[in-house]
Amino acid sequence: MFLISLIVLAVILLAFIVFISHKMTQPKRTVGDWNPGDLGIDYEDVSFITDDGVEIKGWWIDKGSDKTLICLHGYTASRWYDVYMKPLLKILKNEPYNLLLIDFRAHGESMGSRCTFSDKEYLDLEASIDWLEENHATKCEKLGLIGYSMGAMVAIKGLASDERVDCSVADSPPIDPDGTSSRSLKYFAGLPSSLYHLIKPVSSLLYGIKHPDMYDFAEQIDKPLLLIGGKNDPIVKVDEIRSFYDINRQKNKDVTLWITEGEHVRSLKRVPKEYKKRTISF
């Protein structure tokens, strides 16, 4: 009986792990009831296809500049996210940058059934840049990225890997994706963080989830990079961001680290004037 009970418990645990893995890769979509027009900003709905066949949707805001900023949201968010995407639009409204805001795959209105936590989301960024070059080549002679959480990971990878990207702002980047994921389990779901050690291999086996080694990018980047972390962030530790910064600054004189009192991706809401000053001057 003991052996049977053990087998039953193991099956229940495995089923639970599979369920959690499934839910993590299919976050609830965030679609708002506003658009840039409601903020007095002219915009255009756009869409394009990634190299692996996923339709990405977004907003294109043309200000007639030769400089464009691509804005990248985090996990479970979208271009409608009120915590930082809407405030970001407001502070950039009168700045001389064209803006492209996209929904990553499996988020917002974009297609795709699963989130891969920055891995295939990088293909979404590449498709965005390809679209800009094909449709607005003179509008992206200078190209910057600003990303939040998962979007910050993509912004860092884009700066390291794509020569078309000139600079990046990375707000609350999960430098240790495994640590961030385990802490998120406890913070958001109230589950033991140690459970992640079981979820990770199942997610990898079933859905091909794999996290990048962010420190590899720290050794590659030699272009302007602004890293933003919050002392009260329960998910991404400031020490992890600082360690990335320490590695990168050995070869990159244009890397800057700004630590605020904010929570995860909340620095813009906490200190909007300082945020605008630092990001715009950067």
Protein backbone atom coordinates (compact mmCIF):
# COMPACT_ATOMS: atom_id res chain seq x y z
CA MET A 1 0.00 0.00 0.00
CA PHE A 2 2.85 2.36 0.81
CA LEU A 3 4.34 1.89 -2.65
CA ILE A 4 0.97 2.44 -4.33
CA SER A 5 0.42 5.61 -2.31
CA LEU A 6 3.88 6.82 -3.27
CA ILE A 7 3.18 6.22 -6.96
CA VAL A 8 -0.16 8.02 -6.72
CA LEU A 9 1.48 11.01 -5.03
CA ALA A 10 4.21 11.09 -7.69
CA VAL A 11 1.61 11.06 -10.48
CA ILE A 12 -0.35 13.86 -8.80
CA LEU A 13 2.83 15.92 -8.36
CA LEU A 14 3.83 15.37 -11.99
CA ALA A 15 0.35 16.37 -13.19
CA PHE A 16 0.55 19.51 -11.05
CA ILE A 17 3.99 20.39 -12.43
CA VAL A 18 2.76 19.91 -16.00
CA PHE A 19 -0.27 22.11 -15.25
CA ILE A 20 1.87 24.90 -13.78
CA SER A 21 4.30 24.69 -16.72
CA HIS A 22 1.40 24.96 -19.13
CA LYS A 23 -0.10 27.97 -17.33
CA MET A 24 3.25 29.77 -17.13
CA THR A 25 3.75 29.58 -20.89
CA GLN A 26 0.21 30.80 -21.61
CA PRO A 27 -0.20 34.00 -19.57
CA LYS A 28 -3.52 35.80 -19.46
CA ARG A 29 -3.60 38.40 -22.22
CA THR A 30 -3.79 42.11 -21.42
CA VAL A 31 -5.79 44.14 -23.97
CA GLY A 32 -6.84 47.63 -22.98
CA ASP A 33 -9.69 49.92 -24.00
CA TRP A 34 -7.47 52.88 -24.91
CA ASN A 35 -5.00 53.75 -27.66
CA PRO A 36 -2.40 56.49 -28.27
CA GLY A 37 -5.10 58.63 -29.91
CA ASP A 38 -6.73 58.99 -26.51
CA LEU A 39 -3.49 60.62 -25.34
CA GLY A 40 -3.48 63.03 -28.28
CA ILE A 41 -0.89 61.00 -30.22
CA ASP A 42 -1.33 60.13 -33.90
CA TYR A 43 -0.65 56.46 -34.51
CA GLU A 44 -1.09 53.57 -36.92
CA ASP A 45 -2.01 49.95 -36.22
CA VAL A 46 0.66 47.69 -37.72
CA SER A 47 1.44 44.00 -37.97
CA PHE A 48 4.20 41.82 -39.38
CA ILE A 49 5.30 38.19 -39.43
CA THR A 50 8.30 36.73 -37.60
CA ASP A 51 10.74 34.28 -39.16
CA ASP A 52 8.89 31.42 -37.45
CA GLY A 53 5.50 32.55 -38.76
CA VAL A 54 3.98 34.41 -35.81
CA GLU A 55 1.97 37.57 -36.47
CA ILE A 56 3.05 40.44 -34.23
CA LYS A 57 0.81 43.48 -33.75
CA GLY A 58 1.64 46.94 -32.53
CA TRP A 59 1.37 50.71 -32.81
CA TRP A 60 3.59 52.86 -35.02
CA ILE A 61 3.93 56.51 -34.01
CA ASP A 62 5.63 58.55 -36.75
CA LYS A 63 7.01 61.92 -35.65
CA GLY A 64 9.05 62.53 -38.78
CA SER A 65 12.34 61.84 -37.02
CA ASP A 66 15.29 59.73 -38.14
CA LYS A 67 15.40 58.24 -34.61
CA THR A 68 13.10 55.43 -33.50
CA LEU A 69 12.55 53.81 -30.12
CA ILE A 70 11.06 50.32 -29.87
CA CYS A 71 9.20 49.76 -26.60
CA LEU A 72 9.16 46.21 -25.20
CA HIS A 73 6.82 45.06 -22.43
CA GLY A 74 7.32 42.32 -19.86
CA TYR A 75 5.77 38.94 -19.11
CA THR A 76 1.92 39.01 -18.85
CA ALA A 77 1.86 42.67 -19.96
CA SER A 78 1.29 44.30 -23.38
CA ARG A 79 1.47 47.68 -25.11
CA TRP A 80 -1.61 48.61 -23.05
CA TYR A 81 0.05 48.00 -19.69
CA ASP A 82 -0.83 50.87 -17.35
CA VAL A 83 2.15 50.41 -15.02
CA TYR A 84 4.77 51.53 -17.52
CA MET A 85 3.71 51.45 -21.19
CA LYS A 86 1.03 54.12 -20.88
CA PRO A 87 3.19 56.35 -18.63
CA LEU A 88 6.09 55.85 -21.06
CA LEU A 89 3.95 57.08 -23.94
CA LYS A 90 3.06 60.15 -21.91
CA ILE A 91 6.65 61.13 -21.10
CA LEU A 92 7.74 60.53 -24.70
CA LYS A 93 4.76 62.29 -26.27
CA ASN A 94 6.62 65.51 -27.05
CA GLU A 95 10.07 64.01 -27.56
CA PRO A 96 11.58 63.82 -31.08
CA TYR A 97 11.51 60.04 -31.42
CA ASN A 98 9.33 57.82 -33.55
CA LEU A 99 7.90 55.01 -31.44
CA LEU A 100 7.05 51.39 -32.17
CA LEU A 101 5.18 49.55 -29.42
CA ILE A 102 4.60 45.84 -29.94
CA ASP A 103 2.85 42.95 -28.24
CA PHE A 104 5.18 39.99 -27.86
CA ARG A 105 3.90 36.61 -29.03
CA ALA A 106 1.15 35.13 -26.82
CA HIS A 107 0.57 38.60 -25.34
CA GLY A 108 -1.90 41.38 -26.15
CA GLU A 109 -3.28 41.01 -29.68
CA SER A 110 -0.29 39.22 -31.19
CA MET A 111 -0.61 35.64 -32.32
CA GLY A 112 1.30 32.72 -30.85
CA SER A 113 0.18 30.24 -28.24
CA ARG A 114 3.13 30.22 -25.85
CA CYS A 115 5.50 32.64 -24.16
CA THR A 116 9.15 31.56 -24.13
CA PHE A 117 10.44 34.15 -21.63
CA SER A 118 12.67 36.11 -24.06
CA ASP A 119 13.97 33.24 -26.22
CA LYS A 120 11.65 33.40 -29.24
CA GLU A 121 10.52 36.87 -28.23
CA TYR A 122 13.85 37.96 -29.67
CA LEU A 123 12.44 36.91 -33.07
CA ASP A 124 9.58 39.37 -32.43
CA LEU A 125 12.12 42.16 -31.98
CA GLU A 126 14.01 41.14 -35.12
CA ALA A 127 10.76 41.18 -37.10
CA SER A 128 10.03 44.66 -35.73
CA ILE A 129 13.38 45.98 -36.91
CA ASP A 130 12.96 44.29 -40.30
CA TRP A 131 9.56 45.94 -40.66
CA LEU A 132 11.04 49.34 -39.84
CA GLU A 133 13.81 48.92 -42.40
CA GLU A 134 11.39 47.79 -45.09
CA ASN A 135 8.76 50.47 -44.48
CA HIS A 136 10.52 53.40 -42.79
CA ALA A 137 14.22 53.08 -43.54
CA THR A 138 14.92 56.80 -43.13
CA LYS A 139 13.07 56.85 -39.82
CA CYS A 140 15.36 54.40 -38.03
CA GLU A 141 18.86 55.61 -38.86
CA LYS A 142 19.29 55.71 -35.09
CA LEU A 143 17.52 52.87 -33.29
CA GLY A 144 17.03 52.45 -29.55
CA LEU A 145 15.23 49.91 -27.39
CA ILE A 146 13.55 50.28 -24.03
CA GLY A 147 12.40 47.12 -22.32
CA TYR A 148 10.83 46.09 -19.04
CA SER A 149 11.51 42.81 -17.22
CA MET A 150 11.30 40.14 -19.97
CA GLY A 151 11.38 42.97 -22.52
CA ALA A 152 14.57 44.23 -20.83
CA MET A 153 16.17 40.82 -21.46
CA VAL A 154 15.24 41.14 -25.14
CA ALA A 155 16.57 44.73 -25.22
CA ILE A 156 19.91 43.57 -23.83
CA LYS A 157 20.16 40.68 -26.27
CA GLY A 158 19.21 42.98 -29.14
CA LEU A 159 21.96 45.42 -28.22
CA ALA A 160 24.50 42.59 -28.03
CA SER A 161 23.41 40.68 -31.13
CA ASP A 162 21.97 43.11 -33.70
CA GLU A 163 24.27 45.71 -35.20
CA ARG A 164 21.24 47.80 -36.19
CA VAL A 165 20.52 48.61 -32.52
CA ASP A 166 22.42 51.67 -31.25
CA CYS A 167 21.42 51.77 -27.56
CA SER A 168 19.14 50.15 -25.00
CA VAL A 169 17.41 50.93 -21.72
CA ALA A 170 16.80 47.79 -19.62
CA ASP A 171 14.43 48.30 -16.69
CA SER A 172 14.33 45.46 -14.13
CA PRO A 173 16.11 42.91 -16.33
CA PRO A 174 16.11 39.33 -14.95
CA ILE A 175 19.86 38.76 -15.11
CA ASP A 176 19.37 35.44 -13.33
CA PRO A 177 16.25 34.08 -15.08
CA ASP A 178 16.12 30.95 -12.93
CA GLY A 179 16.32 32.97 -9.72
CA THR A 180 13.68 35.40 -10.98
CA SER A 181 11.37 32.56 -11.99
CA SER A 182 11.67 30.79 -8.64
CA ARG A 183 11.06 34.02 -6.72
CA SER A 184 8.07 34.81 -8.97
CA LEU A 185 6.48 31.46 -8.10
CA LYS A 186 6.50 32.40 -4.44
CA TYR A 187 5.61 36.07 -4.90
CA PHE A 188 2.77 35.75 -7.42
CA ALA A 189 1.42 32.24 -6.83
CA GLY A 190 2.33 31.59 -3.21
CA LEU A 191 4.09 28.37 -4.21
CA PRO A 192 7.43 27.15 -2.81
CA SER A 193 10.27 28.65 -4.85
CA SER A 194 11.99 25.25 -4.80
CA LEU A 195 9.19 23.93 -7.01
CA TYR A 196 10.83 25.74 -9.92
CA HIS A 197 13.58 23.11 -10.01
CA LEU A 198 10.90 20.62 -11.07
CA ILE A 199 9.05 23.01 -13.37
CA LYS A 200 12.15 24.01 -15.35
CA PRO A 201 12.98 20.57 -16.85
CA VAL A 202 9.30 19.87 -17.57
CA SER A 203 8.90 23.22 -19.35
CA SER A 204 12.06 22.56 -21.32
CA LEU A 205 10.95 19.05 -22.30
CA LEU A 206 7.35 19.88 -23.21
CA TYR A 207 7.66 23.40 -24.63
CA GLY A 208 11.33 23.90 -25.44
CA ILE A 209 11.72 26.69 -22.88
CA LYS A 210 15.33 27.77 -22.44
CA HIS A 211 16.78 30.79 -20.71
CA PRO A 212 19.73 32.73 -22.13
CA ASP A 213 22.93 33.23 -20.18
CA MET A 214 22.64 36.98 -19.68
CA TYR A 215 26.25 37.27 -18.59
CA ASP A 216 27.35 36.28 -22.09
CA PHE A 217 25.79 39.53 -23.31
CA ALA A 218 27.62 41.50 -20.61
CA GLU A 219 30.88 40.38 -22.21
CA GLN A 220 29.74 41.40 -25.71
CA ILE A 221 28.03 44.80 -25.40
CA ASP A 222 30.11 47.87 -26.22
CA LYS A 223 27.29 50.32 -26.96
CA PRO A 224 25.25 52.67 -24.72
CA LEU A 225 23.24 50.72 -22.15
CA LEU A 226 21.22 52.06 -19.22
CA LEU A 227 20.40 49.47 -16.56
CA ILE A 228 17.61 50.29 -14.07
CA GLY A 229 16.95 48.34 -10.90
CA GLY A 230 14.75 48.83 -7.84
CA LYS A 231 15.89 48.27 -4.26
CA ASN A 232 12.42 47.04 -3.35
CA ASP A 233 12.06 44.65 -6.27
CA PRO A 234 11.07 41.24 -4.83
CA ILE A 235 11.67 39.45 -8.14
CA VAL A 236 14.86 40.84 -9.71
CA LYS A 237 17.66 41.43 -7.23
CA VAL A 238 19.70 44.62 -7.51
CA ASP A 239 22.89 42.66 -6.81
CA GLU A 240 22.27 40.58 -9.96
CA ILE A 241 21.90 43.69 -12.10
CA ARG A 242 24.98 45.20 -10.47
CA SER A 243 27.04 42.09 -11.23
CA PHE A 244 26.03 42.36 -14.91
CA TYR A 245 27.03 46.02 -14.85
CA ASP A 246 30.40 45.25 -13.25
CA ILE A 247 31.22 42.75 -15.99
CA ASN A 248 30.05 44.98 -18.83
CA ARG A 249 31.79 48.13 -17.68
CA GLN A 250 35.14 46.37 -18.05
CA LYS A 251 34.74 46.76 -21.81
CA ASN A 252 31.91 49.28 -22.17
CA LYS A 253 32.48 52.88 -21.13
CA ASP A 254 28.89 53.70 -22.12
CA VAL A 255 27.09 51.51 -19.59
CA THR A 256 25.18 53.24 -16.76
CA LEU A 257 23.54 51.76 -13.67
CA TRP A 258 20.66 53.56 -11.95
CA ILE A 259 19.23 52.10 -8.74
CA THR A 260 15.94 53.53 -7.45
CA GLU A 261 13.78 52.83 -4.41
CA GLY A 262 11.17 51.29 -6.70
CA GLU A 263 9.58 47.87 -6.90
CA HIS A 264 9.65 45.66 -9.99
CA VAL A 265 9.27 47.85 -13.13
CA ARG A 266 7.82 50.61 -10.92
CA SER A 267 10.62 53.20 -11.14
CA LEU A 268 8.78 55.16 -13.84
CA LYS A 269 5.68 55.42 -11.67
CA ARG A 270 7.66 56.19 -8.51
CA VAL A 271 9.92 58.93 -9.90
CA PRO A 272 8.49 59.96 -13.31
CA LYS A 273 10.39 63.25 -13.63
CA GLU A 274 13.75 61.71 -12.79
CA TYR A 275 12.95 58.73 -15.01
CA LYS A 276 12.23 61.00 -17.96
CA LYS A 277 15.35 63.06 -17.33
CA ARG A 278 17.63 60.02 -17.15
CA THR A 279 16.18 58.10 -20.08
CA ILE A 280 15.88 61.09 -22.42
CA SER A 281 19.36 62.44 -21.61
CA PHE A 282 20.74 58.93 -22.03
